[in-house]
Amino acid sequence: QVQLVESGGGLVQAGDSLRLACAASGRTISYYAMGWFRQAPGKAREFVAAISWSGGSQYYADFVKGRFTISRDDAKNTVYLYLQMNSLEPEDTAVYYCAANSLGSYGTGPGATYEYDYWGQGTQVTVSS
């Protein structure tokens, strides 16, 4: 059974930083590629960043513009996934979701929601101007 639990969201001001975390557990979770998505009210869920199972490759949405960094720390049966977000803007306000890809690779690419088998419950990030 794979479980993903996000944390670290909150209310911040424009220009501030936040670090989101996701604790992903499962027997073979270390072989999963992982990603972050977000969904603002009234909008579709969109890709933010992803990282390969080895941690050697990272992928980012264009709007990240070097402000966000994805990383992972692997432990026995648990992966700790992080998203360091700097220079936050009001447009970054959304619910942020952690996602896991059990194949460890992408057929189309890391940005498609259908590439991911498991999702967390989300954590709210609100950026005030």
Foldseek 3Di string as FASTA:
>chain_A
DKAKAKDWADEEAAQAKTKIKIKIFDQPQLLKKKFKWWDDPPGDIWGAKIAFSVRPDIDGDPVLVPQKDWGWDDDRRIIMIMIIGGRDDQVPWTWMKMFIAPVRDDPVDDIDPVNTDDIHPTDTHGYHD
